[in-house]
C-alpha atoms as a PDB file:
ATOM      1  CA  UNK A   1      77.774  33.070-235.729  1.00  0.00           C
ATOM      2  CA  UNK A   2      79.430  33.253-231.862  1.00  0.00           C
ATOM      3  CA  UNK A   3      76.075  34.180-231.143  1.00  0.00           C
ATOM      4  CA  UNK A   4      74.119  31.651-232.096  1.00  0.00           C
ATOM      5  CA  UNK A   5      76.719  29.271-230.588  1.00  0.00           C
ATOM      6  CA  UNK A   6      76.271  30.452-227.476  1.00  0.00           C
ATOM      7  CA  UNK A   7      72.374  30.375-227.478  1.00  0.00           C
ATOM      8  CA  UNK A   8      72.433  26.497-228.246  1.00  0.00           C
ATOM      9  CA  UNK A   9      74.886  25.867-225.301  1.00  0.00           C
ATOM     10  CA  UNK A  10      73.089  27.580-222.913  1.00  0.00           C
ATOM     11  CA  UNK A  11      69.933  25.667-224.468  1.00  0.00           C
ATOM     12  CA  UNK A  12      72.036  22.193-223.427  1.00  0.00           C
ATOM     13  CA  UNK A  13      73.045  23.351-220.540  1.00  0.00           C
ATOM     14  CA  UNK A  14      69.213  24.255-219.316  1.00  0.00           C
ATOM     15  CA  UNK A  15      68.172  20.743-220.886  1.00  0.00           C
ATOM     16  CA  UNK A  16      71.015  19.086-218.677  1.00  0.00           C
ATOM     17  CA  UNK A  17      70.005  20.376-215.705  1.00  0.00           C
ATOM     18  CA  UNK A  18      66.126  20.480-215.891  1.00  0.00           C
ATOM     19  CA  UNK A  19      67.019  17.243-216.707  1.00  0.00           C
ATOM     20  CA  UNK A  20      69.148  16.208-213.527  1.00  0.00           C
ATOM     21  CA  UNK A  21      66.841  18.090-211.694  1.00  0.00           C
ATOM     22  CA  UNK A  22      64.037  15.013-212.617  1.00  0.00           C
ATOM     23  CA  UNK A  23      66.210  12.473-211.671  1.00  0.00           C
ATOM     24  CA  UNK A  24      66.596  13.726-208.059  1.00  0.00           C
ATOM     25  CA  UNK A  25      63.032  14.293-207.512  1.00  0.00           C
ATOM     26  CA  UNK A  26      63.033  10.540-205.343  1.00  0.00           C
ATOM     27  CA  UNK A  27      59.797   8.139-204.565  1.00  0.00           C
ATOM     28  CA  UNK A  28      56.832  10.057-202.342  1.00  0.00           C
ATOM     29  CA  UNK A  29      53.431   9.518-201.263  1.00  0.00           C
ATOM     30  CA  UNK A  30      51.445  12.387-202.580  1.00  0.00           C
ATOM     31  CA  UNK A  31      48.198  11.575-201.491  1.00  0.00           C
ATOM     32  CA  UNK A  32      46.080   9.067-199.986  1.00  0.00           C
ATOM     33  CA  UNK A  33      42.438   8.581-199.469  1.00  0.00           C
ATOM     34  CA  UNK A  34      41.124   8.204-196.456  1.00  0.00           C
ATOM     35  CA  UNK A  35      43.608  11.466-196.064  1.00  0.00           C
ATOM     36  CA  UNK A  36      46.085  11.320-192.697  1.00  0.00           C
ATOM     37  CA  UNK A  37      43.758  11.944-189.734  1.00  0.00           C
ATOM     38  CA  UNK A  38      40.119  11.004-191.602  1.00  0.00           C
ATOM     39  CA  UNK A  39      37.942   9.629-188.777  1.00  0.00           C
ATOM     40  CA  UNK A  40      34.661   8.732-190.716  1.00  0.00           C
ATOM     41  CA  UNK A  41      35.097   5.679-192.379  1.00  0.00           C
ATOM     42  CA  UNK A  42      32.874   2.409-192.576  1.00  0.00           C
ATOM     43  CA  UNK A  43      33.674  -0.637-190.808  1.00  0.00           C
ATOM     44  CA  UNK A  44      33.244  -2.284-194.055  1.00  0.00           C
ATOM     45  CA  UNK A  45      34.928  -3.290-196.992  1.00  0.00           C
ATOM     46  CA  UNK A  46      37.995  -0.562-196.342  1.00  0.00           C
ATOM     47  CA  UNK A  47      40.036   0.029-198.809  1.00  0.00           C
ATOM     48  CA  UNK A  48      43.113   3.118-198.852  1.00  0.00           C
ATOM     49  CA  UNK A  49      44.046   4.149-201.907  1.00  0.00           C
ATOM     50  CA  UNK A  50      47.839   5.275-201.834  1.00  0.00           C
ATOM     51  CA  UNK A  51      49.203   8.169-204.434  1.00  0.00           C
ATOM     52  CA  UNK A  52      52.762   7.974-206.047  1.00  0.00           C
ATOM     53  CA  UNK A  53      54.921  10.360-207.828  1.00  0.00           C
ATOM     54  CA  UNK A  54      56.047   7.220-209.681  1.00  0.00           C
ATOM     55  CA  UNK A  55      54.764   4.352-211.338  1.00  0.00           C
ATOM     56  CA  UNK A  56      54.362   1.297-208.911  1.00  0.00           C
ATOM     57  CA  UNK A  57      53.060  -1.470-211.120  1.00  0.00           C
ATOM     58  CA  UNK A  58      56.439  -3.261-212.176  1.00  0.00           C
ATOM     59  CA  UNK A  59      56.655  -6.653-211.552  1.00  0.00           C
ATOM     60  CA  UNK A  60      59.985  -6.766-209.668  1.00  0.00           C
ATOM     61  CA  UNK A  61      58.669  -3.659-207.960  1.00  0.00           C
ATOM     62  CA  UNK A  62      55.292  -5.234-206.527  1.00  0.00           C
ATOM     63  CA  UNK A  63      58.090  -8.385-205.554  1.00  0.00           C
ATOM     64  CA  UNK A  64      59.895  -6.100-203.604  1.00  0.00           C
ATOM     65  CA  UNK A  65      57.108  -4.310-202.065  1.00  0.00           C
ATOM     66  CA  UNK A  66      55.430  -7.105-200.655  1.00  0.00           C
ATOM     67  CA  UNK A  67      55.472  -6.739-196.807  1.00  0.00           C
ATOM     68  CA  UNK A  68      56.172  -3.269-197.098  1.00  0.00           C
ATOM     69  CA  UNK A  69      52.687  -1.812-195.958  1.00  0.00           C
ATOM     70  CA  UNK A  70      51.270  -3.333-192.694  1.00  0.00           C
ATOM     71  CA  UNK A  71      47.664  -2.484-191.437  1.00  0.00           C
ATOM     72  CA  UNK A  72      48.189  -1.824-187.364  1.00  0.00           C
ATOM     73  CA  UNK A  73      45.163  -1.309-184.904  1.00  0.00           C
ATOM     74  CA  UNK A  74      45.596   0.839-181.878  1.00  0.00           C
ATOM     75  CA  UNK A  75      47.097  -1.731-179.596  1.00  0.00           C
ATOM     76  CA  UNK A  76      49.612  -2.305-182.474  1.00  0.00           C
ATOM     77  CA  UNK A  77      48.519  -5.324-183.724  1.00  0.00           C
ATOM     78  CA  UNK A  78      48.720  -6.827-187.706  1.00  0.00           C
ATOM     79  CA  UNK A  79      45.640  -6.753-189.730  1.00  0.00           C
ATOM     80  CA  UNK A  80      45.548  -8.681-192.739  1.00  0.00           C
ATOM     81  CA  UNK A  81      45.180  -6.601-196.020  1.00  0.00           C
ATOM     82  CA  UNK A  82      46.035  -7.432-199.576  1.00  0.00           C
ATOM     83  CA  UNK A  83      47.710  -4.957-202.102  1.00  0.00           C
ATOM     84  CA  UNK A  84      46.365  -4.433-205.506  1.00  0.00           C
ATOM     85  CA  UNK A  85      48.126  -2.884-208.479  1.00  0.00           C
ATOM     86  CA  UNK A  86      46.354  -1.175-211.646  1.00  0.00           C
ATOM     87  CA  UNK A  87      47.739  -0.550-215.147  1.00  0.00           C
ATOM     88  CA  UNK A  88      45.318   1.875-215.495  1.00  0.00           C
ATOM     89  CA  UNK A  89      46.749   4.338-212.744  1.00  0.00           C
ATOM     90  CA  UNK A  90      49.900   2.825-212.497  1.00  0.00           C
ATOM     91  CA  UNK A  91      51.107   5.578-209.524  1.00  0.00           C
ATOM     92  CA  UNK A  92      48.716   4.083-207.715  1.00  0.00           C
ATOM     93  CA  UNK A  93      48.369   1.342-205.055  1.00  0.00           C
ATOM     94  CA  UNK A  94      45.127  -0.040-203.402  1.00  0.00           C
ATOM     95  CA  UNK A  95      45.442  -1.417-200.006  1.00  0.00           C
ATOM     96  CA  UNK A  96      42.185  -3.534-199.345  1.00  0.00           C
ATOM     97  CA  UNK A  97      41.477  -4.818-195.765  1.00  0.00           C
ATOM     98  CA  UNK A  98      40.197  -8.212-195.682  1.00  0.00           C
ATOM     99  CA  UNK A  99      37.798  -7.796-192.769  1.00  0.00           C
ATOM    100  CA  UNK A 100      35.328  -5.492-190.778  1.00  0.00           C
ATOM    101  CA  UNK A 101      37.029  -2.879-189.298  1.00  0.00           C
ATOM    102  CA  UNK A 102      35.496  -2.074-185.640  1.00  0.00           C
ATOM    103  CA  UNK A 103      33.109   0.685-184.774  1.00  0.00           C
ATOM    104  CA  UNK A 104      35.304   3.834-183.514  1.00  0.00           C
ATOM    105  CA  UNK A 105      38.285   2.225-183.887  1.00  0.00           C
ATOM    106  CA  UNK A 106      41.880   3.924-184.636  1.00  0.00           C
ATOM    107  CA  UNK A 107      44.185   2.535-187.172  1.00  0.00           C
ATOM    108  CA  UNK A 108      47.145   3.760-188.953  1.00  0.00           C
ATOM    109  CA  UNK A 109      49.049   2.311-192.303  1.00  0.00           C
ATOM    110  CA  UNK A 110      52.868   1.838-192.343  1.00  0.00           C
ATOM    111  CA  UNK A 111      54.561   2.168-195.111  1.00  0.00           C
ATOM    112  CA  UNK A 112      58.287   1.401-195.042  1.00  0.00           C
ATOM    113  CA  UNK A 113      61.068   3.647-196.506  1.00  0.00           C
ATOM    114  CA  UNK A 114      61.845   0.398-198.840  1.00  0.00           C
ATOM    115  CA  UNK A 115      58.892   1.005-200.785  1.00  0.00           C
ATOM    116  CA  UNK A 116      60.163   0.664-204.340  1.00  0.00           C
ATOM    117  CA  UNK A 117      59.103   2.515-207.777  1.00  0.00           C
ATOM    118  CA  UNK A 118      59.189   0.749-211.150  1.00  0.00           C
ATOM    119  CA  UNK A 119      62.481   2.169-211.569  1.00  0.00           C
ATOM    120  CA  UNK A 120      63.946   1.229-208.193  1.00  0.00           C
ATOM    121  CA  UNK A 121      63.772   4.609-206.420  1.00  0.00           C
ATOM    122  CA  UNK A 122      62.642   4.142-202.634  1.00  0.00           C
ATOM    123  CA  UNK A 123      61.026   5.932-200.283  1.00  0.00           C
ATOM    124  CA  UNK A 124      63.817   6.790-198.277  1.00  0.00           C
ATOM    125  CA  UNK A 125      61.421   7.252-194.966  1.00  0.00           C
ATOM    126  CA  UNK A 126      58.974   5.522-193.313  1.00  0.00           C
ATOM    127  CA  UNK A 127      55.421   6.932-193.988  1.00  0.00           C
ATOM    128  CA  UNK A 128      52.059   6.548-191.791  1.00  0.00           C
ATOM    129  CA  UNK A 129      48.788   7.115-192.845  1.00  0.00           C
ATOM    130  CA  UNK A 130      46.161   7.171-189.997  1.00  0.00           C
ATOM    131  CA  UNK A 131      42.446   6.796-189.984  1.00  0.00           C
ATOM    132  CA  UNK A 132      39.453   6.150-187.721  1.00  0.00           C
ATOM    133  CA  UNK A 133      36.157   4.205-188.236  1.00  0.00           C
ATOM    134  CA  UNK A 134      32.775   6.378-187.347  1.00  0.00           C
ATOM    135  CA  UNK A 135      30.628   5.579-184.464  1.00  0.00           C
ATOM    136  CA  UNK A 136      28.342   3.440-185.527  1.00  0.00           C
ATOM    137  CA  UNK A 137      25.708   3.682-182.994  1.00  0.00           C
ATOM    138  CA  UNK A 138      25.693   6.766-183.341  1.00  0.00           C
ATOM    139  CA  UNK A 139      25.388   6.850-186.769  1.00  0.00           C
ATOM    140  CA  UNK A 140      22.291   4.560-186.394  1.00  0.00           C
ATOM    141  CA  UNK A 141      20.856   7.001-183.777  1.00  0.00           C
ATOM    142  CA  UNK A 142      20.810   9.754-186.026  1.00  0.00           C
ATOM    143  CA  UNK A 143      19.626   7.760-188.672  1.00  0.00           C
ATOM    144  CA  UNK A 144      16.479   6.950-186.557  1.00  0.00           C
ATOM    145  CA  UNK A 145      16.042  10.418-185.184  1.00  0.00           C
ATOM    146  CA  UNK A 146      15.908  11.800-188.786  1.00  0.00           C
ATOM    147  CA  UNK A 147      12.925   8.878-189.471  1.00  0.00           C
ATOM    148  CA  UNK A 148      11.187  10.087-186.467  1.00  0.00           C
ATOM    149  CA  UNK A 149      11.664  13.790-187.332  1.00  0.00           C
ATOM    150  CA  UNK A 150      10.508  12.557-190.929  1.00  0.00           C
ATOM    151  CA  UNK A 151       7.124  10.791-189.391  1.00  0.00           C
ATOM    152  CA  UNK A 152       6.725  14.196-187.357  1.00  0.00           C
ATOM    153  CA  UNK A 153       6.809  16.642-190.180  1.00  0.00           C
ATOM    154  CA  UNK A 154       4.630  14.004-192.687  1.00  0.00           C
ATOM    155  CA  UNK A 155       2.058  14.018-189.470  1.00  0.00           C
ATOM    156  CA  UNK A 156       1.726  17.669-188.625  1.00  0.00           C
ATOM    157  CA  UNK A 157       1.753  18.522-192.819  1.00  0.00           C
ATOM    158  CA  UNK A 158      -1.105  16.376-192.883  1.00  0.00           C
ATOM    159  CA  UNK A 159      -3.137  17.981-190.187  1.00  0.00           C
ATOM    160  CA  UNK A 160      -2.362  21.273-191.796  1.00  0.00           C
ATOM    161  CA  UNK A 161      -4.032  19.959-194.524  1.00  0.00           C
ATOM    162  CA  UNK A 162      -7.130  18.279-193.306  1.00  0.00           C
ATOM    163  CA  UNK A 163      -7.642  21.233-191.289  1.00  0.00           C
ATOM    164  CA  UNK A 164      -7.034  24.076-194.434  1.00  0.00           C
ATOM    165  CA  UNK A 165      -9.541  22.065-196.692  1.00  0.00           C
ATOM    166  CA  UNK A 166     -12.458  21.878-193.940  1.00  0.00           C
ATOM    167  CA  UNK A 167     -11.949  25.497-193.988  1.00  0.00           C
ATOM    168  CA  UNK A 168     -12.382  25.902-197.352  1.00  0.00           C
ATOM    169  CA  UNK A 169     -15.414  23.372-197.586  1.00  0.00           C
ATOM    170  CA  UNK A 170     -16.622  25.670-194.750  1.00  0.00           C
ATOM    171  CA  UNK A 171     -16.188  28.824-196.492  1.00  0.00           C
ATOM    172  CA  UNK A 172     -17.569  27.502-199.448  1.00  0.00           C
ATOM    173  CA  UNK A 173     -20.868  26.568-197.869  1.00  0.00           C
ATOM    174  CA  UNK A 174     -21.273  29.745-196.392  1.00  0.00           C
ATOM    175  CA  UNK A 175     -20.818  31.085-200.233  1.00  0.00           C
ATOM    176  CA  UNK A 176     -23.528  28.809-201.154  1.00  0.00           C
ATOM    177  CA  UNK A 177     -25.815  30.860-198.823  1.00  0.00           C
ATOM    178  CA  UNK A 178     -27.236  28.442-196.074  1.00  0.00           C
ATOM    179  CA  UNK A 179     -28.626  30.455-193.350  1.00  0.00           C
ATOM    180  CA  UNK A 180     -29.525  29.484-189.819  1.00  0.00           C
ATOM    181  CA  UNK A 181     -33.299  31.006-189.608  1.00  0.00           C
ATOM    182  CA  UNK A 182     -32.647  31.472-185.808  1.00  0.00           C
ATOM    183  CA  UNK A 183     -29.917  33.953-185.997  1.00  0.00           C
ATOM    184  CA  UNK A 184     -31.380  35.524-188.721  1.00  0.00           C
ATOM    185  CA  UNK A 185     -34.824  36.139-186.881  1.00  0.00           C
ATOM    186  CA  UNK A 186     -33.276  37.125-183.780  1.00  0.00           C
ATOM    187  CA  UNK A 187     -30.808  40.070-185.582  1.00  0.00           C
ATOM    188  CA  UNK A 188     -33.969  41.281-187.796  1.00  0.00           C
ATOM    189  CA  UNK A 189     -36.923  40.693-185.494  1.00  0.00           C
ATOM    190  CA  UNK A 190     -38.590  38.575-188.114  1.00  0.00           C
ATOM    191  CA  UNK A 191     -40.467  35.620-187.237  1.00  0.00           C
ATOM    192  CA  UNK A 192     -38.773  32.246-188.114  1.00  0.00           C
ATOM    193  CA  UNK A 193     -41.339  30.571-190.406  1.00  0.00           C
ATOM    194  CA  UNK A 194     -40.713  34.539-192.606  1.00  0.00           C
ATOM    195  CA  UNK A 195     -37.077  34.063-192.518  1.00  0.00           C
ATOM    196  CA  UNK A 196     -36.689  30.180-193.751  1.00  0.00           C
ATOM    197  CA  UNK A 197     -39.703  31.919-196.229  1.00  0.00           C
ATOM    198  CA  UNK A 198     -38.046  34.501-198.236  1.00  0.00           C
ATOM    199  CA  UNK A 199     -34.879  32.481-197.782  1.00  0.00           C
ATOM    200  CA  UNK A 200     -36.616  29.654-200.097  1.00  0.00           C
ATOM    201  CA  UNK A 201     -37.836  32.327-202.062  1.00  0.00           C
ATOM    202  CA  UNK A 202     -34.008  33.806-202.984  1.00  0.00           C
ATOM    203  CA  UNK A 203     -32.628  30.115-203.360  1.00  0.00           C
ATOM    204  CA  UNK A 204     -35.463  29.478-205.814  1.00  0.00           C
ATOM    205  CA  UNK A 205     -34.712  32.565-207.892  1.00  0.00           C
ATOM    206  CA  UNK A 206     -31.251  31.751-207.836  1.00  0.00           C
ATOM    207  CA  UNK A 207     -31.920  28.235-208.783  1.00  0.00           C
ATOM    208  CA  UNK A 208     -33.726  29.463-212.075  1.00  0.00           C
ATOM    209  CA  UNK A 209     -31.105  31.969-213.010  1.00  0.00           C
ATOM    210  CA  UNK A 210     -28.672  29.159-212.368  1.00  0.00           C
ATOM    211  CA  UNK A 211     -31.307  26.926-214.148  1.00  0.00           C
ATOM    212  CA  UNK A 212     -31.539  29.321-217.295  1.00  0.00           C
ATOM    213  CA  UNK A 213     -27.857  29.994-217.718  1.00  0.00           C
ATOM    214  CA  UNK A 214     -26.865  26.904-218.039  1.00  0.00           C
ATOM    215  CA  UNK A 215     -29.643  26.555-220.820  1.00  0.00           C
ATOM    216  CA  UNK A 216     -28.518  29.222-222.935  1.00  0.00           C
ATOM    217  CA  UNK A 217     -24.702  27.664-222.110  1.00  0.00           C
ATOM    218  CA  UNK A 218     -26.488  24.387-223.842  1.00  0.00           C
ATOM    219  CA  UNK A 219     -28.010  26.003-226.180  1.00  0.00           C
ATOM    220  CA  UNK A 220     -24.906  27.930-227.934  1.00  0.00           C
ATOM    221  CA  UNK A 221     -23.036  24.476-227.780  1.00  0.00           C
ATOM    222  CA  UNK A 222     -26.286  22.755-229.882  1.00  0.00           C
ATOM    223  CA  UNK A 223     -25.737  26.022-231.934  1.00  0.00           C
ATOM    224  CA  UNK A 224     -22.054  25.756-232.693  1.00  0.00           C
ATOM    225  CA  UNK A 225     -22.393  22.146-232.480  1.00  0.00           C
ATOM    226  CA  UNK A 226     -24.865  22.493-235.542  1.00  0.00           C
ATOM    227  CA  UNK A 227     -23.368  25.055-237.360  1.00  0.00           C
ATOM    228  CA  UNK A 228     -19.854  22.977-237.284  1.00  0.00           C
ATOM    229  CA  UNK A 229     -21.754  19.718-238.872  1.00  0.00           C
ATOM    230  CA  UNK A 230     -23.496  22.354-241.386  1.00  0.00           C
ATOM    231  CA  UNK A 231     -20.006  23.279-242.350  1.00  0.00           C
ATOM    232  CA  UNK A 232     -18.991  19.507-242.672  1.00  0.00           C
ATOM    233  CA  UNK A 233     -21.889  18.946-244.910  1.00  0.00           C
ATOM    234  CA  UNK A 234     -21.392  21.517-246.941  1.00  0.00           C
ATOM    235  CA  UNK A 235     -17.656  20.827-247.230  1.00  0.00           C
ATOM    236  CA  UNK A 236     -18.647  17.052-248.060  1.00  0.00           C
ATOM    237  CA  UNK A 237     -21.235  17.462-251.179  1.00  0.00           C
ATOM    238  CA  UNK A 238     -18.432  20.004-252.402  1.00  0.00           C
ATOM    239  CA  UNK A 239     -15.491  17.706-252.134  1.00  0.00           C
ATOM    240  CA  UNK A 240     -18.260  14.984-253.728  1.00  0.00           C
ATOM    241  CA  UNK A 241     -18.977  17.405-257.031  1.00  0.00           C
ATOM    242  CA  UNK A 242     -15.696  18.255-257.690  1.00  0.00           C
ATOM    243  CA  UNK A 243     -15.048  14.597-257.819  1.00  0.00           C
ATOM    244  CA  UNK A 244     -18.036  13.856-259.890  1.00  0.00           C
ATOM    245  CA  UNK A 245     -16.607  16.276-262.670  1.00  0.00           C
ATOM    246  CA  UNK A 246     -13.566  15.310-262.601  1.00  0.00           C
ATOM    247  CA  UNK A 247     -14.526  11.716-263.238  1.00  0.00           C
ATOM    248  CA  UNK A 248     -17.024  13.120-265.642  1.00  0.00           C
ATOM    249  CA  UNK A 249     -14.226  14.866-267.753  1.00  0.00           C
ATOM    250  CA  UNK A 250     -11.799  12.012-267.074  1.00  0.00           C
ATOM    251  CA  UNK A 251     -14.531   9.503-268.579  1.00  0.00           C
ATOM    252  CA  UNK A 252     -15.368  11.888-271.579  1.00  0.00           C
ATOM    253  CA  UNK A 253     -11.460  12.165-272.282  1.00  0.00           C
ATOM    254  CA  UNK A 254     -10.899   8.658-272.422  1.00  0.00           C
ATOM    255  CA  UNK A 255     -13.798   8.027-274.474  1.00  0.00           C
ATOM    256  CA  UNK A 256     -12.694  10.604-276.857  1.00  0.00           C
ATOM    257  CA  UNK A 257      -9.276   8.869-277.325  1.00  0.00           C
ATOM    258  CA  UNK A 258     -11.128   5.730-278.170  1.00  0.00           C
ATOM    259  CA  UNK A 259     -13.080   7.451-281.043  1.00  0.00           C
ATOM    260  CA  UNK A 260     -10.326   8.714-282.492  1.00  0.00           C
ATOM    261  CA  UNK A 261      -8.418   5.586-282.121  1.00  0.00           C
ATOM    262  CA  UNK A 262     -10.618   3.855-283.866  1.00  0.00           C
ATOM    263  CA  UNK A 263     -11.265   6.304-286.418  1.00  0.00           C
ATOM    264  CA  UNK A 264      -7.174   6.084-286.906  1.00  0.00           C
ATOM    265  CA  UNK A 265      -7.736   2.562-287.908  1.00  0.00           C
ATOM    266  CA  UNK A 266     -10.083   2.779-290.084  1.00  0.00           C
ATOM    267  CA  UNK A 267      -8.151   4.696-292.323  1.00  0.00           C
ATOM    268  CA  UNK A 268      -5.499   2.633-292.168  1.00  0.00           C
ATOM    269  CA  UNK A 269      -7.678  -0.096-293.533  1.00  0.00           C
ATOM    270  CA  UNK A 270      -8.971   1.896-296.331  1.00  0.00           C
ATOM    271  CA  UNK A 271      -5.531   3.132-297.330  1.00  0.00           C
ATOM    272  CA  UNK A 272      -4.136  -0.372-297.183  1.00  0.00           C
ATOM    273  CA  UNK A 273      -6.846  -1.790-299.597  1.00  0.00           C
ATOM    274  CA  UNK A 274      -6.549   1.185-301.810  1.00  0.00           C
ATOM    275  CA  UNK A 275      -2.775  -0.061-302.365  1.00  0.00           C
ATOM    276  CA  UNK A 276      -3.433  -3.734-303.005  1.00  0.00           C
ATOM    277  CA  UNK A 277      -6.409  -2.761-305.796  1.00  0.00           C
ATOM    278  CA  UNK A 278      -3.822  -0.341-307.701  1.00  0.00           C
ATOM    279  CA  UNK A 279      -5.831   1.966-307.744  1.00  0.00           C
ATOM    280  CA  UNK A 280      -4.898   5.680-307.976  1.00  0.00           C
ATOM    281  CA  UNK A 281      -7.807   6.332-305.626  1.00  0.00           C
ATOM    282  CA  UNK A 282      -7.806   9.177-302.847  1.00  0.00           C
ATOM    283  CA  UNK A 283      -9.943   8.058-299.982  1.00  0.00           C
ATOM    284  CA  UNK A 284     -10.546  10.331-297.544  1.00  0.00           C
ATOM    285  CA  UNK A 285     -12.439   9.677-294.414  1.00  0.00           C
ATOM    286  CA  UNK A 286     -15.268  12.150-293.221  1.00  0.00           C
ATOM    287  CA  UNK A 287     -14.833  12.788-289.788  1.00  0.00           C
ATOM    288  CA  UNK A 288     -18.699  14.077-289.283  1.00  0.00           C
ATOM    289  CA  UNK A 289     -20.463  11.135-291.237  1.00  0.00           C
ATOM    290  CA  UNK A 290     -17.658   8.276-290.087  1.00  0.00           C
ATOM    291  CA  UNK A 291     -17.997   7.305-293.732  1.00  0.00           C
ATOM    292  CA  UNK A 292     -15.074   6.859-296.262  1.00  0.00           C
ATOM    293  CA  UNK A 293     -15.458   9.245-299.540  1.00  0.00           C
ATOM    294  CA  UNK A 294     -13.549   8.016-302.673  1.00  0.00           C
ATOM    295  CA  UNK A 295     -12.077  10.647-304.888  1.00  0.00           C
END
């Protein structure tokens, strides 16, 4: 029992110490965008996000914080701003600059030590966030340079592609067997007429060989097509025959049912007549001769 009481006391003491520690943690600026010292912002539609460690969206806090945040240029001149709050991000304050800033300008956002959180705690010390605007002229020059480099790259790439294509076409022409008769005559010692005649004969043989190959390919294609059509025709005939047989079987079965029904009706009529006549006759229907026999 004594151990249990000691454990409970220790737990309560730890809870009290942690609670007092939490209450001792005052209001602080824990982050911002742009960060302090950042100098690469665009001059248009500048907004500074301030992130604190306490809720800042209370109506009393918003009312008390009017004028507690100022934006100054490098000459100390105040710039018109608008502070925005959001229930979705209760620990943030957005500072929206209501005009375009100057290129290469340096600015600082001053946050008063009296800035108040929803729970009433204050910042306790003046805080400054400094930032700068990028050199727009330099940025434009870099963009133009990049565009020029891209155009040059495209021209060079197109030129290389054209040369490669011309080289490939020249190699293909060479493979086709075009001969310079004067060069060959000079190399072999033959006459130009003989070289031209030999080249013509060789080309004629190549053309005939190519034509034979083409005819063979066309013939094989025609044979494959004919075989395919023949197979299709056989399949169609087989299917038609199966359908015809099925139709005949169905018709025969239907006719058989009709005949049986008719015969049963005749038997029923004769039996009914016999009962009406009051005669102890036995009437049997002869299916073979399609007649009624009295016994």
